[in-house]
Amino acid sequence: MYTVLVALGGNLGDRLAAMQRALDAAAREIVWSHVSSIYETDPMYRTDQPAFLNAAAMGTTHLPALDCLRFLKSIEQELGREDGPRNGPRVIDLDLIDHSERETRAPEMVLPHPRAHERRFVLAPLAEFAEDWVIGGAPIAAWLAQTESQSDAVRKLAHAVLSLPSPRPER
């Protein structure tokens, strides 16, 4: 079994419902152990779009890293994600941040995620349950401290919650 860290986000439609549907769909192959609070985030790279909701989850899977990424991307398609501009608006975004099959490189994937350490909207949710997890040579908590300048743009929401899906029975 492998441990995975996944970031969830979206800024179109019912953002919270899309994230819950993504968690539930991913439970076909990932047994979730942790899910973070919800954060509302100002767009970081393309500012001419609605605010995002972001969260993170941790779980275990039998899928190797590349298969896990492909599985997550298939869920995005199931939930109606359409191709658009890079960092543009989307109904759902599932990023494989890390996988215990460490240092994976493939044409469609680099692990750990090469920009996770600069994104407070990824780090703040992950720090809730994985602050000591090392990505890019430092623990998540250390990277989070370095993104303090983004703290006004990433706001924890008290009223929004994601639920961990019930584990699926063994096949």
N, C-alpha and C. Protein backbone atom coordinates (compact mmCIF):
# COMPACT_ATOMS: atom_id res chain seq x y z
N MET A 1 0.84 -1.19 0.00
CA MET A 1 0.00 0.00 0.00
C MET A 1 0.88 1.25 0.00
N TYR A 2 0.36 2.26 -0.64
CA TYR A 2 1.05 3.54 -0.72
C TYR A 2 0.23 4.60 0.01
N THR A 3 0.91 5.59 0.56
CA THR A 3 0.25 6.75 1.16
C THR A 3 0.26 7.87 0.14
N VAL A 4 -0.87 8.58 0.04
CA VAL A 4 -0.98 9.69 -0.92
C VAL A 4 -1.48 10.94 -0.22
N LEU A 5 -0.99 12.08 -0.71
CA LEU A 5 -1.49 13.40 -0.32
C LEU A 5 -2.11 14.01 -1.56
N VAL A 6 -3.35 14.45 -1.44
CA VAL A 6 -4.09 14.99 -2.58
C VAL A 6 -4.65 16.35 -2.20
N ALA A 7 -4.48 17.33 -3.09
CA ALA A 7 -5.10 18.64 -2.93
C ALA A 7 -6.36 18.69 -3.79
N LEU A 8 -7.41 19.27 -3.25
CA LEU A 8 -8.68 19.41 -3.94
C LEU A 8 -9.01 20.89 -4.06
N GLY A 9 -9.61 21.27 -5.17
CA GLY A 9 -10.02 22.66 -5.31
C GLY A 9 -10.99 22.82 -6.45
N GLY A 10 -11.57 24.00 -6.52
CA GLY A 10 -12.46 24.34 -7.60
C GLY A 10 -13.02 25.73 -7.38
N ASN A 11 -13.46 26.37 -8.46
CA ASN A 11 -14.01 27.71 -8.32
C ASN A 11 -15.22 27.97 -9.22
N LEU A 12 -15.83 26.91 -9.74
CA LEU A 12 -17.03 27.06 -10.56
C LEU A 12 -18.15 26.20 -9.98
N GLY A 13 -19.37 26.67 -10.08
CA GLY A 13 -20.51 25.89 -9.62
C GLY A 13 -20.52 25.73 -8.12
N ASP A 14 -21.12 24.65 -7.65
CA ASP A 14 -21.17 24.34 -6.22
C ASP A 14 -19.84 23.72 -5.83
N ARG A 15 -18.92 24.56 -5.43
CA ARG A 15 -17.53 24.16 -5.18
C ARG A 15 -17.43 23.08 -4.11
N LEU A 16 -18.13 23.27 -3.01
CA LEU A 16 -18.06 22.30 -1.91
C LEU A 16 -18.63 20.95 -2.33
N ALA A 17 -19.76 20.96 -3.03
CA ALA A 17 -20.36 19.70 -3.47
C ALA A 17 -19.44 18.96 -4.45
N ALA A 18 -18.79 19.69 -5.33
CA ALA A 18 -17.87 19.06 -6.28
C ALA A 18 -16.70 18.41 -5.55
N MET A 19 -16.18 19.07 -4.52
CA MET A 19 -15.07 18.50 -3.76
C MET A 19 -15.52 17.24 -3.01
N GLN A 20 -16.74 17.26 -2.45
CA GLN A 20 -17.23 16.07 -1.75
C GLN A 20 -17.44 14.92 -2.73
N ARG A 21 -18.00 15.22 -3.90
CA ARG A 21 -18.19 14.17 -4.91
C ARG A 21 -16.84 13.59 -5.33
N ALA A 22 -15.82 14.43 -5.45
CA ALA A 22 -14.49 13.95 -5.82
C ALA A 22 -13.91 13.03 -4.75
N LEU A 23 -14.03 13.41 -3.49
CA LEU A 23 -13.56 12.55 -2.40
C LEU A 23 -14.29 11.21 -2.42
N ASP A 24 -15.61 11.27 -2.59
CA ASP A 24 -16.40 10.04 -2.62
C ASP A 24 -16.01 9.15 -3.79
N ALA A 25 -15.84 9.75 -4.97
CA ALA A 25 -15.45 8.96 -6.16
C ALA A 25 -14.07 8.35 -5.99
N ALA A 26 -13.15 9.12 -5.42
CA ALA A 26 -11.78 8.62 -5.23
C ALA A 26 -11.74 7.47 -4.24
N ALA A 27 -12.76 7.36 -3.38
CA ALA A 27 -12.80 6.27 -2.40
C ALA A 27 -12.94 4.90 -3.07
N ARG A 28 -13.16 4.88 -4.39
CA ARG A 28 -13.16 3.59 -5.11
C ARG A 28 -11.77 2.97 -5.07
N GLU A 29 -10.73 3.80 -4.99
CA GLU A 29 -9.35 3.30 -5.01
C GLU A 29 -8.48 3.81 -3.86
N ILE A 30 -8.96 4.82 -3.13
CA ILE A 30 -8.18 5.41 -2.04
C ILE A 30 -8.99 5.31 -0.75
N VAL A 31 -8.37 4.77 0.29
CA VAL A 31 -9.00 4.74 1.61
C VAL A 31 -8.52 5.99 2.34
N TRP A 32 -9.42 6.96 2.48
CA TRP A 32 -9.06 8.25 3.09
C TRP A 32 -8.96 8.11 4.60
N SER A 33 -7.90 8.68 5.17
CA SER A 33 -7.74 8.68 6.62
C SER A 33 -7.89 10.08 7.20
N HIS A 34 -7.62 11.12 6.40
CA HIS A 34 -7.69 12.50 6.87
C HIS A 34 -8.24 13.39 5.76
N VAL A 35 -9.02 14.38 6.17
CA VAL A 35 -9.43 15.43 5.26
C VAL A 35 -9.37 16.74 6.04
N SER A 36 -8.89 17.77 5.39
CA SER A 36 -8.68 19.05 6.05
C SER A 36 -9.95 19.87 6.14
N SER A 37 -9.80 21.00 6.78
CA SER A 37 -10.81 22.05 6.73
C SER A 37 -10.88 22.58 5.31
N ILE A 38 -11.88 23.43 5.07
CA ILE A 38 -12.05 24.08 3.77
C ILE A 38 -11.46 25.49 3.86
N TYR A 39 -10.79 25.89 2.80
CA TYR A 39 -10.21 27.23 2.72
C TYR A 39 -10.75 27.92 1.48
N GLU A 40 -11.07 29.19 1.61
CA GLU A 40 -11.40 29.99 0.44
C GLU A 40 -10.16 30.77 0.06
N THR A 41 -9.83 30.72 -1.23
CA THR A 41 -8.55 31.24 -1.70
C THR A 41 -8.74 32.17 -2.88
N ASP A 42 -8.11 33.33 -2.78
CA ASP A 42 -8.08 34.23 -3.93
C ASP A 42 -7.27 33.56 -5.03
N PRO A 43 -7.67 33.74 -6.30
CA PRO A 43 -6.88 33.15 -7.39
C PRO A 43 -5.44 33.65 -7.34
N MET A 44 -4.50 32.76 -7.58
CA MET A 44 -3.09 33.10 -7.41
C MET A 44 -2.40 33.53 -8.70
N TYR A 45 -2.64 32.83 -9.77
CA TYR A 45 -1.88 33.10 -10.99
C TYR A 45 -2.69 33.89 -12.01
N ARG A 46 -3.96 33.57 -12.13
CA ARG A 46 -4.89 34.28 -13.02
C ARG A 46 -5.95 34.90 -12.12
N THR A 47 -5.87 36.19 -11.91
CA THR A 47 -6.73 36.82 -10.90
C THR A 47 -8.11 37.19 -11.40
N ASP A 48 -8.39 37.06 -12.69
CA ASP A 48 -9.67 37.44 -13.28
C ASP A 48 -10.67 36.27 -13.28
N GLN A 49 -10.87 35.67 -12.09
CA GLN A 49 -11.77 34.53 -11.96
C GLN A 49 -12.27 34.47 -10.52
N PRO A 50 -13.32 33.68 -10.27
CA PRO A 50 -13.86 33.58 -8.91
C PRO A 50 -12.87 32.94 -7.93
N ALA A 51 -13.13 33.17 -6.64
CA ALA A 51 -12.31 32.56 -5.58
C ALA A 51 -12.47 31.04 -5.61
N PHE A 52 -11.44 30.35 -5.16
CA PHE A 52 -11.43 28.89 -5.09
C PHE A 52 -11.82 28.44 -3.68
N LEU A 53 -12.34 27.24 -3.60
CA LEU A 53 -12.34 26.49 -2.35
C LEU A 53 -11.24 25.47 -2.48
N ASN A 54 -10.49 25.27 -1.39
CA ASN A 54 -9.40 24.31 -1.38
C ASN A 54 -9.44 23.47 -0.13
N ALA A 55 -8.93 22.26 -0.24
CA ALA A 55 -8.79 21.34 0.89
C ALA A 55 -7.71 20.33 0.52
N ALA A 56 -7.41 19.44 1.45
CA ALA A 56 -6.44 18.37 1.18
C ALA A 56 -6.90 17.12 1.91
N ALA A 57 -6.43 16.00 1.40
CA ALA A 57 -6.78 14.71 2.01
C ALA A 57 -5.57 13.78 1.95
N MET A 58 -5.56 12.82 2.87
CA MET A 58 -4.51 11.82 2.92
C MET A 58 -5.18 10.45 2.98
N GLY A 59 -4.58 9.50 2.29
CA GLY A 59 -5.14 8.16 2.32
C GLY A 59 -4.13 7.14 1.84
N THR A 60 -4.60 5.91 1.70
CA THR A 60 -3.76 4.83 1.20
C THR A 60 -4.42 4.22 -0.03
N THR A 61 -3.57 3.71 -0.90
CA THR A 61 -4.04 3.09 -2.14
C THR A 61 -3.07 2.01 -2.57
N HIS A 62 -3.56 1.10 -3.38
CA HIS A 62 -2.69 0.09 -3.98
C HIS A 62 -2.14 0.59 -5.32
N LEU A 63 -2.61 1.75 -5.79
CA LEU A 63 -2.19 2.26 -7.09
C LEU A 63 -0.80 2.88 -7.04
N PRO A 64 0.10 2.48 -7.93
CA PRO A 64 1.38 3.19 -8.06
C PRO A 64 1.11 4.64 -8.46
N ALA A 65 2.10 5.48 -8.32
CA ALA A 65 1.94 6.93 -8.49
C ALA A 65 1.29 7.33 -9.82
N LEU A 66 1.81 6.86 -10.93
CA LEU A 66 1.28 7.28 -12.23
C LEU A 66 -0.16 6.81 -12.41
N ASP A 67 -0.47 5.59 -11.98
CA ASP A 67 -1.85 5.10 -12.05
C ASP A 67 -2.77 5.92 -11.15
N CYS A 68 -2.27 6.32 -10.00
CA CYS A 68 -3.06 7.15 -9.08
C CYS A 68 -3.37 8.50 -9.72
N LEU A 69 -2.37 9.12 -10.33
CA LEU A 69 -2.60 10.40 -11.01
C LEU A 69 -3.65 10.23 -12.11
N ARG A 70 -3.52 9.21 -12.91
CA ARG A 70 -4.49 8.98 -13.99
C ARG A 70 -5.89 8.75 -13.43
N PHE A 71 -5.99 8.03 -12.33
CA PHE A 71 -7.27 7.81 -11.68
C PHE A 71 -7.89 9.13 -11.23
N LEU A 72 -7.09 9.99 -10.59
CA LEU A 72 -7.60 11.28 -10.14
C LEU A 72 -8.05 12.14 -11.32
N LYS A 73 -7.30 12.11 -12.40
CA LYS A 73 -7.68 12.89 -13.59
C LYS A 73 -8.96 12.35 -14.21
N SER A 74 -9.19 11.03 -14.13
CA SER A 74 -10.44 10.47 -14.65
C SER A 74 -11.63 10.94 -13.82
N ILE A 75 -11.43 11.13 -12.52
CA ILE A 75 -12.50 11.65 -11.67
C ILE A 75 -12.82 13.09 -12.06
N GLU A 76 -11.79 13.89 -12.33
CA GLU A 76 -12.04 15.26 -12.79
C GLU A 76 -12.94 15.25 -14.02
N GLN A 77 -12.66 14.36 -14.96
CA GLN A 77 -13.47 14.27 -16.17
C GLN A 77 -14.90 13.83 -15.85
N GLU A 78 -15.05 12.83 -14.96
CA GLU A 78 -16.38 12.37 -14.55
C GLU A 78 -17.22 13.52 -13.99
N LEU A 79 -16.56 14.40 -13.26
CA LEU A 79 -17.26 15.49 -12.58
C LEU A 79 -17.42 16.74 -13.44
N GLY A 80 -17.03 16.65 -14.70
CA GLY A 80 -17.30 17.74 -15.63
C GLY A 80 -16.20 18.75 -15.85
N ARG A 81 -14.99 18.42 -15.41
CA ARG A 81 -13.90 19.36 -15.69
C ARG A 81 -13.64 19.41 -17.19
N GLU A 82 -13.52 20.62 -17.69
CA GLU A 82 -13.23 20.82 -19.11
C GLU A 82 -11.84 21.42 -19.25
N ASP A 83 -11.21 21.13 -20.38
CA ASP A 83 -9.90 21.72 -20.63
C ASP A 83 -10.07 23.23 -20.76
N GLY A 84 -9.14 23.95 -20.21
CA GLY A 84 -9.17 25.40 -20.28
C GLY A 84 -7.77 25.93 -20.07
N PRO A 85 -7.65 27.21 -19.90
CA PRO A 85 -6.32 27.79 -19.72
C PRO A 85 -5.66 27.30 -18.43
N ARG A 86 -4.36 27.17 -18.45
CA ARG A 86 -3.60 26.76 -17.26
C ARG A 86 -3.90 27.74 -16.13
N ASN A 87 -4.17 27.20 -14.94
CA ASN A 87 -4.51 27.97 -13.75
C ASN A 87 -5.80 28.76 -13.90
N GLY A 88 -6.62 28.36 -14.86
CA GLY A 88 -7.89 29.04 -15.09
C GLY A 88 -9.01 28.43 -14.25
N PRO A 89 -10.23 28.93 -14.45
CA PRO A 89 -11.37 28.43 -13.68
C PRO A 89 -11.65 26.97 -13.98
N ARG A 90 -12.17 26.26 -12.96
CA ARG A 90 -12.47 24.84 -13.12
C ARG A 90 -13.48 24.41 -12.08
N VAL A 91 -14.28 23.42 -12.43
CA VAL A 91 -15.28 22.89 -11.51
C VAL A 91 -14.60 22.04 -10.42
N ILE A 92 -13.52 21.36 -10.76
CA ILE A 92 -12.78 20.53 -9.80
C ILE A 92 -11.34 20.40 -10.25
N ASP A 93 -10.45 20.36 -9.29
CA ASP A 93 -9.04 20.14 -9.56
C ASP A 93 -8.53 19.18 -8.49
N LEU A 94 -7.95 18.09 -8.91
CA LEU A 94 -7.36 17.10 -8.00
C LEU A 94 -5.89 16.99 -8.33
N ASP A 95 -5.04 17.41 -7.41
CA ASP A 95 -3.60 17.34 -7.61
C ASP A 95 -3.00 16.30 -6.68
N LEU A 96 -2.24 15.38 -7.26
CA LEU A 96 -1.47 14.43 -6.46
C LEU A 96 -0.23 15.18 -5.99
N ILE A 97 -0.21 15.52 -4.71
CA ILE A 97 0.89 16.31 -4.15
C ILE A 97 2.08 15.42 -3.85
N ASP A 98 1.82 14.25 -3.29
CA ASP A 98 2.91 13.32 -3.02
C ASP A 98 2.34 11.91 -2.90
N HIS A 99 3.23 10.97 -3.05
CA HIS A 99 2.91 9.54 -3.07
C HIS A 99 4.11 8.84 -2.46
N SER A 100 3.87 7.86 -1.62
CA SER A 100 5.01 7.24 -0.94
C SER A 100 5.94 6.48 -1.89
N GLU A 101 5.56 6.35 -3.16
CA GLU A 101 6.50 5.89 -4.19
C GLU A 101 7.27 7.15 -4.60
N ARG A 102 8.22 7.55 -3.80
CA ARG A 102 8.86 8.87 -3.84
C ARG A 102 9.63 9.14 -5.13
N GLU A 103 9.81 10.46 -5.36
CA GLU A 103 10.65 10.95 -6.45
C GLU A 103 10.28 10.36 -7.80
N THR A 104 9.03 10.41 -8.11
CA THR A 104 8.54 9.89 -9.38
C THR A 104 8.61 10.97 -10.43
N ARG A 105 9.12 10.61 -11.59
CA ARG A 105 9.15 11.52 -12.73
C ARG A 105 8.65 10.78 -13.96
N ALA A 106 7.70 11.39 -14.62
CA ALA A 106 7.15 10.87 -15.87
C ALA A 106 6.77 12.09 -16.68
N PRO A 107 6.57 11.96 -17.98
CA PRO A 107 6.22 13.14 -18.78
C PRO A 107 5.02 13.91 -18.23
N GLU A 108 4.03 13.21 -17.65
CA GLU A 108 2.86 13.91 -17.15
C GLU A 108 2.87 14.17 -15.65
N MET A 109 3.98 13.83 -14.95
CA MET A 109 3.98 13.96 -13.50
C MET A 109 5.38 14.06 -12.93
N VAL A 110 5.53 14.93 -11.93
CA VAL A 110 6.74 14.99 -11.10
C VAL A 110 6.25 14.97 -9.65
N LEU A 111 6.84 14.10 -8.84
CA LEU A 111 6.51 14.04 -7.42
C LEU A 111 7.75 14.19 -6.58
N PRO A 112 7.65 14.83 -5.44
CA PRO A 112 6.48 15.56 -5.00
C PRO A 112 6.13 16.68 -5.99
N HIS A 113 4.87 17.16 -5.89
CA HIS A 113 4.39 18.20 -6.79
C HIS A 113 5.38 19.36 -6.77
N PRO A 114 5.88 19.79 -7.93
CA PRO A 114 6.98 20.75 -7.96
C PRO A 114 6.64 22.17 -7.48
N ARG A 115 5.37 22.53 -7.37
CA ARG A 115 5.02 23.87 -6.91
C ARG A 115 4.26 23.87 -5.58
N ALA A 116 4.07 22.72 -4.97
CA ALA A 116 3.31 22.64 -3.72
C ALA A 116 3.92 23.53 -2.64
N HIS A 117 5.22 23.57 -2.57
CA HIS A 117 5.89 24.31 -1.50
C HIS A 117 5.70 25.83 -1.58
N GLU A 118 5.22 26.35 -2.70
CA GLU A 118 5.02 27.80 -2.83
C GLU A 118 3.55 28.20 -2.72
N ARG A 119 2.67 27.24 -2.46
CA ARG A 119 1.23 27.49 -2.48
C ARG A 119 0.62 27.29 -1.10
N ARG A 120 0.33 28.38 -0.44
CA ARG A 120 -0.29 28.30 0.89
C ARG A 120 -1.63 27.57 0.83
N PHE A 121 -2.36 27.71 -0.28
CA PHE A 121 -3.66 27.04 -0.39
C PHE A 121 -3.53 25.52 -0.44
N VAL A 122 -2.34 25.01 -0.69
CA VAL A 122 -2.05 23.57 -0.59
C VAL A 122 -1.47 23.26 0.79
N LEU A 123 -0.54 24.08 1.23
CA LEU A 123 0.20 23.81 2.47
C LEU A 123 -0.66 23.93 3.72
N ALA A 124 -1.51 24.95 3.81
CA ALA A 124 -2.32 25.14 5.02
C ALA A 124 -3.23 23.93 5.28
N PRO A 125 -3.96 23.45 4.27
CA PRO A 125 -4.77 22.25 4.54
C PRO A 125 -3.91 21.02 4.89
N LEU A 126 -2.80 20.82 4.18
CA LEU A 126 -1.95 19.66 4.47
C LEU A 126 -1.35 19.73 5.87
N ALA A 127 -1.02 20.93 6.33
CA ALA A 127 -0.40 21.07 7.65
C ALA A 127 -1.32 20.64 8.77
N GLU A 128 -2.62 20.58 8.52
CA GLU A 128 -3.55 20.15 9.57
C GLU A 128 -3.30 18.70 10.00
N PHE A 129 -2.79 17.87 9.10
CA PHE A 129 -2.58 16.45 9.45
C PHE A 129 -1.24 15.90 9.01
N ALA A 130 -0.45 16.67 8.28
CA ALA A 130 0.83 16.16 7.76
C ALA A 130 1.94 17.20 7.86
N GLU A 131 1.95 17.96 8.93
CA GLU A 131 2.92 19.07 9.02
C GLU A 131 4.37 18.59 9.00
N ASP A 132 4.63 17.35 9.40
CA ASP A 132 6.00 16.83 9.39
C ASP A 132 6.37 16.10 8.10
N TRP A 133 5.41 15.93 7.18
CA TRP A 133 5.66 15.27 5.90
C TRP A 133 6.65 16.13 5.11
N VAL A 134 7.69 15.52 4.59
CA VAL A 134 8.73 16.26 3.88
C VAL A 134 8.44 16.26 2.38
N ILE A 135 8.38 17.46 1.82
CA ILE A 135 8.32 17.64 0.36
C ILE A 135 9.39 18.65 -0.01
N GLY A 136 10.05 18.42 -1.09
CA GLY A 136 11.07 19.38 -1.53
C GLY A 136 12.16 19.64 -0.52
N GLY A 137 12.48 18.67 0.32
CA GLY A 137 13.59 18.79 1.26
C GLY A 137 13.26 19.42 2.60
N ALA A 138 12.00 19.78 2.84
CA ALA A 138 11.63 20.39 4.13
C ALA A 138 10.22 19.93 4.51
N PRO A 139 9.93 19.95 5.82
CA PRO A 139 8.58 19.59 6.25
C PRO A 139 7.54 20.61 5.77
N ILE A 140 6.32 20.15 5.60
CA ILE A 140 5.24 21.03 5.16
C ILE A 140 5.13 22.25 6.07
N ALA A 141 5.27 22.06 7.38
CA ALA A 141 5.17 23.19 8.32
C ALA A 141 6.20 24.27 8.03
N ALA A 142 7.40 23.88 7.64
CA ALA A 142 8.44 24.87 7.32
C ALA A 142 8.08 25.65 6.06
N TRP A 143 7.58 24.95 5.05
CA TRP A 143 7.17 25.64 3.82
C TRP A 143 6.00 26.59 4.11
N LEU A 144 5.06 26.13 4.95
CA LEU A 144 3.91 26.97 5.29
C LEU A 144 4.36 28.28 5.91
N ALA A 145 5.33 28.23 6.82
CA ALA A 145 5.85 29.44 7.45
C ALA A 145 6.42 30.40 6.42
N GLN A 146 6.97 29.87 5.33
CA GLN A 146 7.56 30.71 4.29
C GLN A 146 6.52 31.34 3.37
N THR A 147 5.26 30.93 3.49
CA THR A 147 4.21 31.50 2.65
C THR A 147 3.32 32.47 3.43
N GLU A 148 3.82 32.97 4.53
CA GLU A 148 3.04 33.87 5.38
C GLU A 148 2.51 35.08 4.60
N SER A 149 3.22 35.52 3.60
CA SER A 149 2.77 36.68 2.81
C SER A 149 1.46 36.39 2.07
N GLN A 150 1.08 35.12 1.93
CA GLN A 150 -0.16 34.74 1.25
C GLN A 150 -1.32 34.55 2.23
N SER A 151 -1.11 34.79 3.53
CA SER A 151 -2.12 34.42 4.53
C SER A 151 -3.44 35.17 4.35
N ASP A 152 -3.43 36.40 3.88
CA ASP A 152 -4.69 37.12 3.67
C ASP A 152 -5.49 36.54 2.50
N ALA A 153 -4.83 35.85 1.60
CA ALA A 153 -5.48 35.30 0.41
C ALA A 153 -6.02 33.89 0.62
N VAL A 154 -5.71 33.27 1.76
CA VAL A 154 -6.12 31.89 2.04
C VAL A 154 -6.80 31.89 3.40
N ARG A 155 -8.15 31.78 3.38
CA ARG A 155 -8.95 31.94 4.59
C ARG A 155 -9.69 30.65 4.95
N LYS A 156 -9.47 30.17 6.16
CA LYS A 156 -10.16 28.96 6.64
C LYS A 156 -11.63 29.30 6.86
N LEU A 157 -12.51 28.42 6.37
CA LEU A 157 -13.95 28.61 6.53
C LEU A 157 -14.47 27.74 7.66
N ALA A 158 -15.17 28.33 8.59
CA ALA A 158 -15.67 27.57 9.74
C ALA A 158 -16.95 26.80 9.39
N HIS A 159 -17.72 27.26 8.45
CA HIS A 159 -19.04 26.68 8.18
C HIS A 159 -19.05 25.59 7.11
N ALA A 160 -17.96 25.36 6.43
CA ALA A 160 -17.92 24.38 5.34
C ALA A 160 -17.09 23.17 5.79
N VAL A 161 -17.61 21.97 5.51
CA VAL A 161 -16.94 20.76 5.96
C VAL A 161 -17.05 19.69 4.88
N LEU A 162 -15.98 18.94 4.69
CA LEU A 162 -16.00 17.73 3.87
C LEU A 162 -16.06 16.53 4.80
N SER A 163 -16.74 15.48 4.37
CA SER A 163 -16.84 14.25 5.15
C SER A 163 -15.98 13.17 4.53
N LEU A 164 -15.31 12.41 5.39
CA LEU A 164 -14.56 11.25 4.89
C LEU A 164 -15.56 10.21 4.43
N PRO A 165 -15.40 9.71 3.20
CA PRO A 165 -16.29 8.63 2.75
C PRO A 165 -16.06 7.37 3.56
N SER A 166 -17.09 6.58 3.69
CA SER A 166 -16.94 5.28 4.34
C SER A 166 -16.05 4.41 3.48
N PRO A 167 -15.15 3.62 4.09
CA PRO A 167 -14.31 2.72 3.30
C PRO A 167 -15.17 1.74 2.51
N ARG A 168 -14.73 1.46 1.29
CA ARG A 168 -15.46 0.51 0.45
C ARG A 168 -15.08 -0.91 0.87
N PRO A 169 -16.01 -1.83 0.79
CA PRO A 169 -15.66 -3.22 1.13
C PRO A 169 -14.61 -3.76 0.16
N GLU A 170 -13.77 -4.66 0.66
CA GLU A 170 -12.76 -5.30 -0.20
C GLU A 170 -13.44 -6.03 -1.34
N ARG A 171 -12.80 -6.00 -2.51
CA ARG A 171 -13.36 -6.69 -3.68
C ARG A 171 -13.00 -8.14 -3.69
